[in-house]
Protein backbone atom coordinates (compact mmCIF):
# COMPACT_ATOMS: atom_id res chain seq x y z
CA MET A 1 38.85 -13.48 14.33
CA ASN A 2 40.46 -10.62 16.21
CA ALA A 3 40.11 -6.98 15.12
CA ILE A 4 43.20 -7.10 12.88
CA GLU A 5 42.03 -10.28 11.15
CA ILE A 6 38.56 -8.82 10.63
CA GLY A 7 40.07 -5.67 9.12
CA ASN A 8 42.30 -7.66 6.76
CA THR A 9 39.41 -9.87 5.64
CA LEU A 10 37.19 -6.84 5.04
CA GLN A 11 39.87 -5.44 2.73
CA GLU A 12 39.96 -8.76 0.85
CA LEU A 13 36.18 -8.55 0.47
CA GLY A 14 36.56 -5.14 -1.19
CA PHE A 15 35.90 -2.72 1.68
CA THR A 16 38.44 0.02 0.98
CA ASP A 17 38.86 2.92 3.38
CA GLY A 18 36.70 5.92 2.53
CA SER A 19 34.49 4.07 0.03
CA ILE A 20 30.72 3.51 0.03
CA VAL A 21 29.52 0.06 -1.03
CA GLU A 22 26.06 -1.44 -1.42
CA THR A 23 25.05 -4.16 1.02
CA ILE A 24 21.89 -5.63 2.49
CA MET A 25 21.53 -4.66 6.13
CA VAL A 26 19.67 -6.83 8.61
CA THR A 27 18.18 -5.26 11.74
CA GLU A 28 15.89 -6.63 14.43
CA ASN A 29 12.25 -5.57 14.62
CA ILE A 30 10.51 -4.87 17.92
CA ASP A 31 8.80 -8.29 17.77
CA GLY A 32 12.16 -10.07 17.40
CA SER A 33 11.84 -10.80 13.68
CA TYR A 34 14.44 -9.62 11.20
CA ASN A 35 14.20 -6.81 8.65
CA ALA A 36 16.45 -6.89 5.58
CA ALA A 37 16.91 -3.78 3.42
CA PRO A 38 19.49 -2.49 0.92
CA MET A 39 21.92 -0.10 2.57
CA GLY A 40 24.95 1.73 1.27
CA VAL A 41 27.63 1.80 3.96
CA LEU A 42 30.78 3.89 4.27
CA TYR A 43 33.84 2.01 5.55
CA SER A 44 36.37 4.25 7.27
CA SER A 45 39.12 3.64 9.84
CA GLY A 46 37.76 0.23 10.81
CA PHE A 47 34.17 1.38 11.30
CA PHE A 48 31.04 1.40 9.17
CA GLU A 49 28.58 4.26 8.77
CA ALA A 50 25.01 3.74 7.60
CA ARG A 51 22.79 6.63 6.54
CA PRO A 52 19.18 5.42 6.73
CA TYR A 53 16.17 7.62 6.14
CA LYS A 54 14.47 8.64 9.39
CA SER A 55 11.17 7.23 8.11
CA SER A 56 12.63 3.76 7.46
CA THR A 57 12.22 0.57 9.45
CA THR A 58 16.01 0.19 9.36
CA TYR A 59 16.49 3.48 11.21
CA ARG A 60 13.79 2.69 13.78
CA ASN A 61 15.42 -0.65 14.52
CA LEU A 62 18.92 0.84 14.75
CA HIS A 63 17.64 3.63 16.99
CA TYR A 64 16.13 1.23 19.51
CA GLY A 65 18.56 -1.68 19.03
CA SER A 66 22.31 -2.11 19.32
CA GLN A 67 23.10 -4.81 16.75
CA ALA A 68 22.88 -5.24 12.99
CA SER A 69 24.55 -7.11 10.16
CA ILE A 70 25.54 -6.23 6.62
CA ASN A 71 25.48 -8.94 3.99
CA VAL A 72 27.69 -9.00 0.90
CA THR A 73 26.05 -10.10 -2.35
CA ASP A 74 25.72 -9.24 -6.03
CA ASP A 75 22.41 -11.10 -6.42
CA PRO A 76 19.83 -8.61 -7.75
CA LEU A 77 16.91 -10.76 -6.57
CA LEU A 78 18.10 -10.49 -2.96
CA PHE A 79 18.25 -6.70 -3.33
CA LEU A 80 14.81 -6.67 -4.99
CA GLY A 81 13.15 -8.82 -2.33
CA SER A 82 14.66 -6.89 0.56
CA ALA A 83 13.87 -3.48 -0.96
CA PHE A 84 10.23 -4.12 -1.88
CA LYS A 85 9.12 -6.96 0.40
CA THR A 86 5.75 -5.37 1.20
CA GLU A 87 4.85 -4.81 -2.45
CA LEU A 88 6.11 -8.21 -3.58
CA ASP A 89 4.94 -10.18 -0.52
CA TRP A 90 8.32 -11.92 -0.46
CA SER A 91 11.56 -11.31 1.36
CA PRO A 92 14.89 -13.14 1.59
CA CYS A 93 15.46 -15.66 4.38
CA VAL A 94 17.40 -14.50 7.46
CA ALA A 95 18.60 -16.72 10.31
CA ASP A 96 20.80 -15.55 13.20
CA TRP A 97 21.62 -12.27 11.39
CA VAL A 98 22.78 -14.12 8.25
CA LEU A 99 20.99 -13.45 4.96
CA LYS A 100 20.76 -16.71 3.05
CA ASP A 101 22.74 -17.09 -0.21
CA THR A 102 25.09 -14.14 0.41
CA TYR A 103 28.89 -14.25 0.15
CA ALA A 104 29.62 -12.94 3.64
CA THR A 105 27.94 -11.51 6.74
CA ILE A 106 29.47 -8.88 9.02
CA ILE A 107 27.98 -8.57 12.51
CA LEU A 108 27.96 -4.97 13.79
CA GLU A 109 27.51 -3.18 17.12
CA LYS A 110 26.05 0.33 17.13
CA GLN A 111 28.35 2.98 18.56
CA TYR A 112 26.28 6.15 18.21
CA GLU A 113 23.97 8.07 15.89
CA TYR A 114 23.81 11.70 14.79
CA PRO A 115 21.66 13.93 12.52
CA LEU A 116 22.97 13.90 8.95
CA THR A 117 20.29 15.78 6.97
CA ASP A 118 16.63 16.67 7.44
CA LEU A 119 15.77 13.23 6.05
CA GLN A 120 18.66 11.01 7.15
CA MET A 121 20.58 9.94 10.25
CA GLY A 122 24.17 8.79 10.45
CA ILE A 123 24.80 5.58 12.40
CA LYS A 124 28.35 4.57 13.37
CA LEU A 125 28.83 0.78 13.67
CA ALA A 126 31.77 -1.42 14.68
CA PRO A 127 32.39 -4.86 13.13
CA THR A 128 32.57 -7.59 15.78
CA ARG A 129 32.34 -10.81 13.77
CA LEU A 130 32.72 -11.86 10.14
CA ILE A 131 31.16 -14.97 8.59
CA ILE A 132 32.15 -16.24 5.14
CA ASN A 133 29.09 -17.96 3.65
CA ARG A 134 30.31 -18.71 0.10
CA SER A 135 33.84 -18.81 -1.27
CA LEU A 136 33.21 -19.52 -4.97
CA PRO A 137 33.65 -16.32 -7.03
CA ARG A 138 31.34 -15.21 -9.83
CA VAL A 139 32.13 -13.43 -13.08
CA PHE A 140 31.44 -9.70 -13.23
CA SER A 141 28.14 -8.88 -14.91
CA ARG A 142 27.15 -5.39 -16.02
CA GLY A 143 23.57 -6.63 -15.99
CA ARG A 144 23.69 -7.65 -12.32
CA SER A 145 25.47 -4.44 -11.40
CA ASP A 146 22.93 -2.24 -13.18
CA ALA A 147 20.01 -4.26 -11.80
CA ILE A 148 21.18 -3.52 -8.25
CA GLU A 149 21.75 0.12 -9.20
CA ALA A 150 18.21 0.29 -10.61
CA ILE A 151 16.73 -1.13 -7.40
CA ILE A 152 18.55 1.47 -5.31
CA HIS A 153 17.31 4.27 -7.59
CA ALA A 154 13.76 2.88 -7.36
CA THR A 155 13.78 2.97 -3.55
CA ARG A 156 14.61 6.69 -3.75
CA VAL A 157 11.99 7.29 -6.45
CA LYS A 158 9.35 5.92 -4.09
CA VAL A 159 10.46 8.18 -1.22
CA PHE A 160 10.80 11.35 -3.31
CA HIS A 161 7.51 10.74 -5.14
CA SER A 162 5.65 10.39 -1.84
CA GLU A 163 7.14 13.71 -0.69
CA GLY A 164 6.36 15.56 -3.93
CA HIS A 165 9.97 16.08 -5.08
CA ASP A 166 9.10 15.81 -8.78
CA GLU A 167 12.42 17.13 -10.09
CA LYS A 168 14.39 14.52 -8.13
CA VAL A 169 11.99 11.81 -9.31
CA MET A 170 12.49 12.75 -12.97
CA LYS A 171 16.27 12.72 -12.59
CA LEU A 172 16.17 9.27 -11.00
CA LEU A 173 13.82 7.98 -13.70
CA GLY A 174 16.43 8.97 -16.28
CA ARG A 175 19.03 6.93 -14.40
CA LEU A 176 16.61 4.02 -14.20
CA ASP A 177 16.15 4.12 -17.96
CA ASP A 178 19.93 4.03 -18.43
CA CYS A 179 20.14 0.95 -16.20
CA PHE A 180 17.28 -0.73 -18.04
CA GLU A 181 19.00 -0.10 -21.38
CA VAL A 182 22.22 -1.77 -20.22
CA ILE A 183 20.35 -4.75 -18.74
CA CYS A 184 18.31 -5.31 -21.90
CA HIS A 185 21.52 -5.19 -23.93
CA VAL A 186 23.66 -7.63 -21.92
CA SER A 187 21.28 -9.90 -19.94
CA GLY A 188 19.29 -12.86 -21.19
CA ALA A 189 15.51 -12.79 -21.53
CA GLY A 190 14.97 -15.19 -18.61
CA SER A 191 17.64 -13.73 -16.34
CA SER A 192 17.21 -12.37 -12.83
CA GLU A 193 18.17 -8.95 -14.16
CA MET A 194 15.31 -8.89 -16.67
CA HIS A 195 12.95 -9.97 -13.89
CA VAL A 196 14.12 -6.92 -11.95
CA VAL A 197 13.38 -4.64 -14.92
CA GLU A 198 9.87 -6.05 -15.35
CA THR A 199 9.13 -5.87 -11.62
CA LEU A 200 10.36 -2.29 -11.22
CA LYS A 201 8.29 -1.13 -14.19
CA LYS A 202 5.19 -2.67 -12.59
CA LEU A 203 5.99 -1.00 -9.26
CA LEU A 204 6.42 2.41 -10.91
CA THR A 205 2.98 2.01 -12.47
CA LYS A 206 1.54 0.91 -9.11
CA TRP A 207 2.98 4.01 -7.43
CA GLY A 208 1.33 6.23 -10.06
CA ILE A 209 4.58 7.50 -11.52
CA PRO A 210 4.17 8.55 -15.17
CA ARG A 211 6.52 6.98 -17.72
């Protein structure tokens, strides 16, 4: 695909200019292995911008490396495994920058980085290749959507709790409860979404966060 074809396909995938979407970003560790982690990215004027925390493995890898990929999926288990791989001792499978079982993979080249906040850096990335992994669409599920939202909130709870930002933690816990309520209402007992709820509750207890 040339640049125009990549841009058109990105629009078909739902990347609208000026919008932030949730993806799973793959970066390369120093030892050559891959690291997958949830990452919201801003798409604007043909480029992507990631805003990783300075303390994260994703930022370290982007700082020292020049390539990454973002993977498009609505599978909450892929978000869960990539967000909390050390706690769960499981992570999704990655081969040649492609996260297994995702809809599409976008290969990116780093352009530059800049300070965003005291905690975060901005990383500008250019899409160079686009791989469609699955073409079969899935129905929209509020449960899947809220499960992914809950995982993203939980990653921030962990960071803010470790830094003593209790007010931010409490606000995020309220949002987590809202997500859990929706999931319990619309998702089946044995669904991936309910597994996410149960796992996140166990992790909150493990982190010593009062409920």
